Amino acid sequence: MFKDEKGFGTIELVIILAILVGIALLFKTQITAFVENIIQDIVDKDFTSGALYVYFKI
């Protein structure tokens, strides 16, 4: 029927990418809110109190 069924074809890759893009578009607001919360948590950390000394103590 098919000469070569080995490997990962271009059509499969395009289908998987289309599905991932569709999921990303469906959950765009939730993904954006999640990333913004993570970035805000990182920005709000206070590293002036010697926290870096505790982590990188020599």
PDB file of N, CA and C in Angstrom:
ATOM      1  N   MET A   1       0.822  -1.186   0.000  1.00  0.00           N
ATOM      2  CA  MET A   1       0.000   0.000   0.000  1.00  0.00           C
ATOM      3  C   MET A   1       0.871   1.257   0.000  1.00  0.00           C
ATOM      4  N   PHE A   2       1.612   1.459   1.096  1.00  0.00           N
ATOM      5  CA  PHE A   2       2.545   2.587   1.165  1.00  0.00           C
ATOM      6  C   PHE A   2       3.956   2.041   1.047  1.00  0.00           C
ATOM      7  N   LYS A   3       4.802   2.763   0.370  1.00  0.00           N
ATOM      8  CA  LYS A   3       6.174   2.280   0.185  1.00  0.00           C
ATOM      9  C   LYS A   3       6.987   2.392   1.472  1.00  0.00           C
ATOM     10  N   ASP A   4       6.891   3.553   2.153  1.00  0.00           N
ATOM     11  CA  ASP A   4       7.707   3.773   3.345  1.00  0.00           C
ATOM     12  C   ASP A   4       6.835   4.375   4.435  1.00  0.00           C
ATOM     13  N   GLU A   5       6.656   3.647   5.523  1.00  0.00           N
ATOM     14  CA  GLU A   5       5.834   4.135   6.626  1.00  0.00           C
ATOM     15  C   GLU A   5       6.691   4.553   7.817  1.00  0.00           C
ATOM     16  N   LYS A   6       7.990   4.589   7.651  1.00  0.00           N
ATOM     17  CA  LYS A   6       8.868   4.968   8.740  1.00  0.00           C
ATOM     18  C   LYS A   6       9.023   6.481   8.791  1.00  0.00           C
ATOM     19  N   GLY A   7       9.366   6.970   9.970  1.00  0.00           N
ATOM     20  CA  GLY A   7       9.670   8.380  10.098  1.00  0.00           C
ATOM     21  C   GLY A   7       8.467   9.207  10.504  1.00  0.00           C
ATOM     22  N   PHE A   8       8.735  10.493  10.634  1.00  0.00           N
ATOM     23  CA  PHE A   8       7.727  11.449  11.080  1.00  0.00           C
ATOM     24  C   PHE A   8       7.463  12.391   9.912  1.00  0.00           C
ATOM     25  N   GLY A   9       6.286  12.303   9.344  1.00  0.00           N
ATOM     26  CA  GLY A   9       5.983  13.045   8.136  1.00  0.00           C
ATOM     27  C   GLY A   9       5.623  14.487   8.373  1.00  0.00           C
ATOM     28  N   THR A  10       5.676  15.247   7.308  1.00  0.00           N
ATOM     29  CA  THR A  10       5.358  16.669   7.364  1.00  0.00           C
ATOM     30  C   THR A  10       3.894  16.902   7.717  1.00  0.00           C
ATOM     31  N   ILE A  11       3.022  16.064   7.199  1.00  0.00           N
ATOM     32  CA  ILE A  11       1.590  16.231   7.468  1.00  0.00           C
ATOM     33  C   ILE A  11       1.299  16.053   8.954  1.00  0.00           C
ATOM     34  N   GLU A  12       1.916  15.073   9.586  1.00  0.00           N
ATOM     35  CA  GLU A  12       1.725  14.876  11.020  1.00  0.00           C
ATOM     36  C   GLU A  12       2.212  16.083  11.804  1.00  0.00           C
ATOM     37  N   LEU A  13       3.345  16.632  11.403  1.00  0.00           N
ATOM     38  CA  LEU A  13       3.890  17.799  12.077  1.00  0.00           C
ATOM     39  C   LEU A  13       2.958  19.006  11.937  1.00  0.00           C
ATOM     40  N   VAL A  14       2.412  19.209  10.752  1.00  0.00           N
ATOM     41  CA  VAL A  14       1.491  20.325  10.526  1.00  0.00           C
ATOM     42  C   VAL A  14       0.223  20.156  11.350  1.00  0.00           C
ATOM     43  N   ILE A  15      -0.285  18.945  11.435  1.00  0.00           N
ATOM     44  CA  ILE A  15      -1.491  18.689  12.232  1.00  0.00           C
ATOM     45  C   ILE A  15      -1.231  18.961  13.701  1.00  0.00           C
ATOM     46  N   ILE A  16      -0.112  18.498  14.220  1.00  0.00           N
ATOM     47  CA  ILE A  16       0.223  18.731  15.629  1.00  0.00           C
ATOM     48  C   ILE A  16       0.390  20.226  15.900  1.00  0.00           C
ATOM     49  N   LEU A  17       1.065  20.943  15.013  1.00  0.00           N
ATOM     50  CA  LEU A  17       1.227  22.384  15.189  1.00  0.00           C
ATOM     51  C   LEU A  17      -0.118  23.106  15.149  1.00  0.00           C
ATOM     52  N   ALA A  18      -1.010  22.693  14.262  1.00  0.00           N
ATOM     53  CA  ALA A  18      -2.332  23.306  14.175  1.00  0.00           C
ATOM     54  C   ALA A  18      -3.123  23.082  15.463  1.00  0.00           C
ATOM     55  N   ILE A  19      -3.022  21.896  16.015  1.00  0.00           N
ATOM     56  CA  ILE A  19      -3.712  21.595  17.272  1.00  0.00           C
ATOM     57  C   ILE A  19      -3.145  22.445  18.407  1.00  0.00           C
ATOM     58  N   LEU A  20      -1.820  22.555  18.485  1.00  0.00           N
ATOM     59  CA  LEU A  20      -1.205  23.368  19.540  1.00  0.00           C
ATOM     60  C   LEU A  20      -1.577  24.832  19.418  1.00  0.00           C
ATOM     61  N   VAL A  21      -1.587  25.357  18.205  1.00  0.00           N
ATOM     62  CA  VAL A  21      -1.968  26.755  18.001  1.00  0.00           C
ATOM     63  C   VAL A  21      -3.431  26.951  18.379  1.00  0.00           C
ATOM     64  N   GLY A  22      -4.282  26.014  18.017  1.00  0.00           N
ATOM     65  CA  GLY A  22      -5.699  26.101  18.385  1.00  0.00           C
ATOM     66  C   GLY A  22      -5.904  26.107  19.882  1.00  0.00           C
ATOM     67  N   ILE A  23      -5.182  25.237  20.594  1.00  0.00           N
ATOM     68  CA  ILE A  23      -5.285  25.199  22.057  1.00  0.00           C
ATOM     69  C   ILE A  23      -4.775  26.504  22.652  1.00  0.00           C
ATOM     70  N   ALA A  24      -3.677  27.018  22.123  1.00  0.00           N
ATOM     71  CA  ALA A  24      -3.128  28.282  22.629  1.00  0.00           C
ATOM     72  C   ALA A  24      -4.113  29.426  22.415  1.00  0.00           C
ATOM     73  N   LEU A  25      -4.796  29.443  21.275  1.00  0.00           N
ATOM     74  CA  LEU A  25      -5.775  30.498  21.024  1.00  0.00           C
ATOM     75  C   LEU A  25      -6.996  30.362  21.923  1.00  0.00           C
ATOM     76  N   LEU A  26      -7.412  29.130  22.210  1.00  0.00           N
ATOM     77  CA  LEU A  26      -8.564  28.923  23.091  1.00  0.00           C
ATOM     78  C   LEU A  26      -8.276  29.385  24.518  1.00  0.00           C
ATOM     79  N   PHE A  27      -7.068  29.145  24.987  1.00  0.00           N
ATOM     80  CA  PHE A  27      -6.714  29.456  26.367  1.00  0.00           C
ATOM     81  C   PHE A  27      -5.789  30.663  26.463  1.00  0.00           C
ATOM     82  N   LYS A  28      -5.885  31.574  25.515  1.00  0.00           N
ATOM     83  CA  LYS A  28      -4.979  32.722  25.457  1.00  0.00           C
ATOM     84  C   LYS A  28      -5.050  33.564  26.731  1.00  0.00           C
ATOM     85  N   THR A  29      -6.244  33.865  27.198  1.00  0.00           N
ATOM     86  CA  THR A  29      -6.370  34.731  28.381  1.00  0.00           C
ATOM     87  C   THR A  29      -5.817  34.048  29.624  1.00  0.00           C
ATOM     88  N   GLN A  30      -6.073  32.755  29.773  1.00  0.00           N
ATOM     89  CA  GLN A  30      -5.567  32.038  30.939  1.00  0.00           C
ATOM     90  C   GLN A  30      -4.043  31.927  30.899  1.00  0.00           C
ATOM     91  N   ILE A  31      -3.482  31.661  29.726  1.00  0.00           N
ATOM     92  CA  ILE A  31      -2.028  31.556  29.587  1.00  0.00           C
ATOM     93  C   ILE A  31      -1.380  32.902  29.858  1.00  0.00           C
ATOM     94  N   THR A  32      -1.974  33.978  29.331  1.00  0.00           N
ATOM     95  CA  THR A  32      -1.428  35.314  29.551  1.00  0.00           C
ATOM     96  C   THR A  32      -1.462  35.681  31.026  1.00  0.00           C
ATOM     97  N   ALA A  33      -2.577  35.413  31.699  1.00  0.00           N
ATOM     98  CA  ALA A  33      -2.689  35.715  33.127  1.00  0.00           C
ATOM     99  C   ALA A  33      -1.678  34.913  33.942  1.00  0.00           C
ATOM    100  N   PHE A  34      -1.475  33.650  33.577  1.00  0.00           N
ATOM    101  CA  PHE A  34      -0.532  32.798  34.289  1.00  0.00           C
ATOM    102  C   PHE A  34       0.889  33.326  34.158  1.00  0.00           C
ATOM    103  N   VAL A  35       1.290  33.683  32.943  1.00  0.00           N
ATOM    104  CA  VAL A  35       2.642  34.205  32.717  1.00  0.00           C
ATOM    105  C   VAL A  35       2.824  35.554  33.419  1.00  0.00           C
ATOM    106  N   GLU A  36       1.810  36.412  33.373  1.00  0.00           N
ATOM    107  CA  GLU A  36       1.905  37.712  34.053  1.00  0.00           C
ATOM    108  C   GLU A  36       2.050  37.539  35.561  1.00  0.00           C
ATOM    109  N   ASN A  37       1.339  36.567  36.146  1.00  0.00           N
ATOM    110  CA  ASN A  37       1.470  36.313  37.588  1.00  0.00           C
ATOM    111  C   ASN A  37       2.870  35.835  37.938  1.00  0.00           C
ATOM    112  N   ILE A  38       3.431  34.971  37.121  1.00  0.00           N
ATOM    113  CA  ILE A  38       4.786  34.483  37.385  1.00  0.00           C
ATOM    114  C   ILE A  38       5.790  35.630  37.300  1.00  0.00           C
ATOM    115  N   ILE A  39       5.667  36.455  36.265  1.00  0.00           N
ATOM    116  CA  ILE A  39       6.582  37.588  36.107  1.00  0.00           C
ATOM    117  C   ILE A  39       6.424  38.567  37.265  1.00  0.00           C
ATOM    118  N   GLN A  40       5.183  38.819  37.683  1.00  0.00           N
ATOM    119  CA  GLN A  40       4.951  39.747  38.794  1.00  0.00           C
ATOM    120  C   GLN A  40       5.541  39.198  40.090  1.00  0.00           C
ATOM    121  N   ASP A  41       5.430  37.892  40.318  1.00  0.00           N
ATOM    122  CA  ASP A  41       6.038  37.285  41.510  1.00  0.00           C
ATOM    123  C   ASP A  41       7.547  37.450  41.496  1.00  0.00           C
ATOM    124  N   ILE A  42       8.156  37.306  40.342  1.00  0.00           N
ATOM    125  CA  ILE A  42       9.612  37.470  40.236  1.00  0.00           C
ATOM    126  C   ILE A  42       9.999  38.921  40.486  1.00  0.00           C
ATOM    127  N   VAL A  43       9.245  39.861  39.939  1.00  0.00           N
ATOM    128  CA  VAL A  43       9.553  41.286  40.095  1.00  0.00           C
ATOM    129  C   VAL A  43       9.359  41.729  41.541  1.00  0.00           C
ATOM    130  N   ASP A  44       8.371  41.156  42.229  1.00  0.00           N
ATOM    131  CA  ASP A  44       8.061  41.568  43.604  1.00  0.00           C
ATOM    132  C   ASP A  44       9.031  41.017  44.647  1.00  0.00           C
ATOM    133  N   LYS A  45       9.888  40.091  44.274  1.00  0.00           N
ATOM    134  CA  LYS A  45      10.835  39.535  45.242  1.00  0.00           C
ATOM    135  C   LYS A  45      11.799  40.617  45.715  1.00  0.00           C
ATOM    136  N   ASP A  46      12.115  40.576  47.009  1.00  0.00           N
ATOM    137  CA  ASP A  46      13.032  41.551  47.594  1.00  0.00           C
ATOM    138  C   ASP A  46      14.383  40.882  47.804  1.00  0.00           C
ATOM    139  N   PHE A  47      15.338  41.235  46.959  1.00  0.00           N
ATOM    140  CA  PHE A  47      16.672  40.648  47.053  1.00  0.00           C
ATOM    141  C   PHE A  47      17.648  41.562  47.787  1.00  0.00           C
ATOM    142  N   THR A  48      17.163  42.645  48.378  1.00  0.00           N
ATOM    143  CA  THR A  48      18.063  43.576  49.053  1.00  0.00           C
ATOM    144  C   THR A  48      18.316  43.188  50.501  1.00  0.00           C
ATOM    145  N   SER A  49      17.617  42.204  51.029  1.00  0.00           N
ATOM    146  CA  SER A  49      17.748  41.862  52.440  1.00  0.00           C
ATOM    147  C   SER A  49      18.801  40.796  52.699  1.00  0.00           C
ATOM    148  N   GLY A  50      19.655  40.539  51.762  1.00  0.00           N
ATOM    149  CA  GLY A  50      20.708  39.556  51.951  1.00  0.00           C
ATOM    150  C   GLY A  50      20.310  38.164  51.504  1.00  0.00           C
ATOM    151  N   ALA A  51      19.182  38.073  50.811  1.00  0.00           N
ATOM    152  CA  ALA A  51      18.736  36.754  50.358  1.00  0.00           C
ATOM    153  C   ALA A  51      19.749  36.141  49.395  1.00  0.00           C
ATOM    154  N   LEU A  52      20.409  36.946  48.612  1.00  0.00           N
ATOM    155  CA  LEU A  52      21.413  36.409  47.704  1.00  0.00           C
ATOM    156  C   LEU A  52      22.598  35.861  48.458  1.00  0.00           C
ATOM    157  N   TYR A  53      22.940  36.468  49.594  1.00  0.00           N
ATOM    158  CA  TYR A  53      24.040  35.966  50.405  1.00  0.00           C
ATOM    159  C   TYR A  53      23.734  34.564  50.918  1.00  0.00           C
ATOM    160  N   VAL A  54      22.488  34.321  51.295  1.00  0.00           N
ATOM    161  CA  VAL A  54      22.110  33.010  51.803  1.00  0.00           C
ATOM    162  C   VAL A  54      22.212  31.960  50.712  1.00  0.00           C
ATOM    163  N   TYR A  55      21.816  32.291  49.506  1.00  0.00           N
ATOM    164  CA  TYR A  55      21.850  31.331  48.419  1.00  0.00           C
ATOM    165  C   TYR A  55      23.247  31.104  47.862  1.00  0.00           C
ATOM    166  N   PHE A  56      24.059  32.142  47.856  1.00  0.00           N
ATOM    167  CA  PHE A  56      25.369  32.045  47.239  1.00  0.00           C
ATOM    168  C   PHE A  56      26.489  32.208  48.259  1.00  0.00           C
ATOM    169  N   LYS A  57      26.281  31.698  49.440  1.00  0.00           N
ATOM    170  CA  LYS A  57      27.288  31.809  50.497  1.00  0.00           C
ATOM    171  C   LYS A  57      28.519  30.991  50.117  1.00  0.00           C
ATOM    172  N   ILE A  58      29.659  31.629  50.241  1.00  0.00           N
ATOM    173  CA  ILE A  58      30.913  30.969  49.862  1.00  0.00           C
ATOM    174  C   ILE A  58      31.635  30.503  51.109  1.00  0.00           C
TER     175      ILE A  58
END
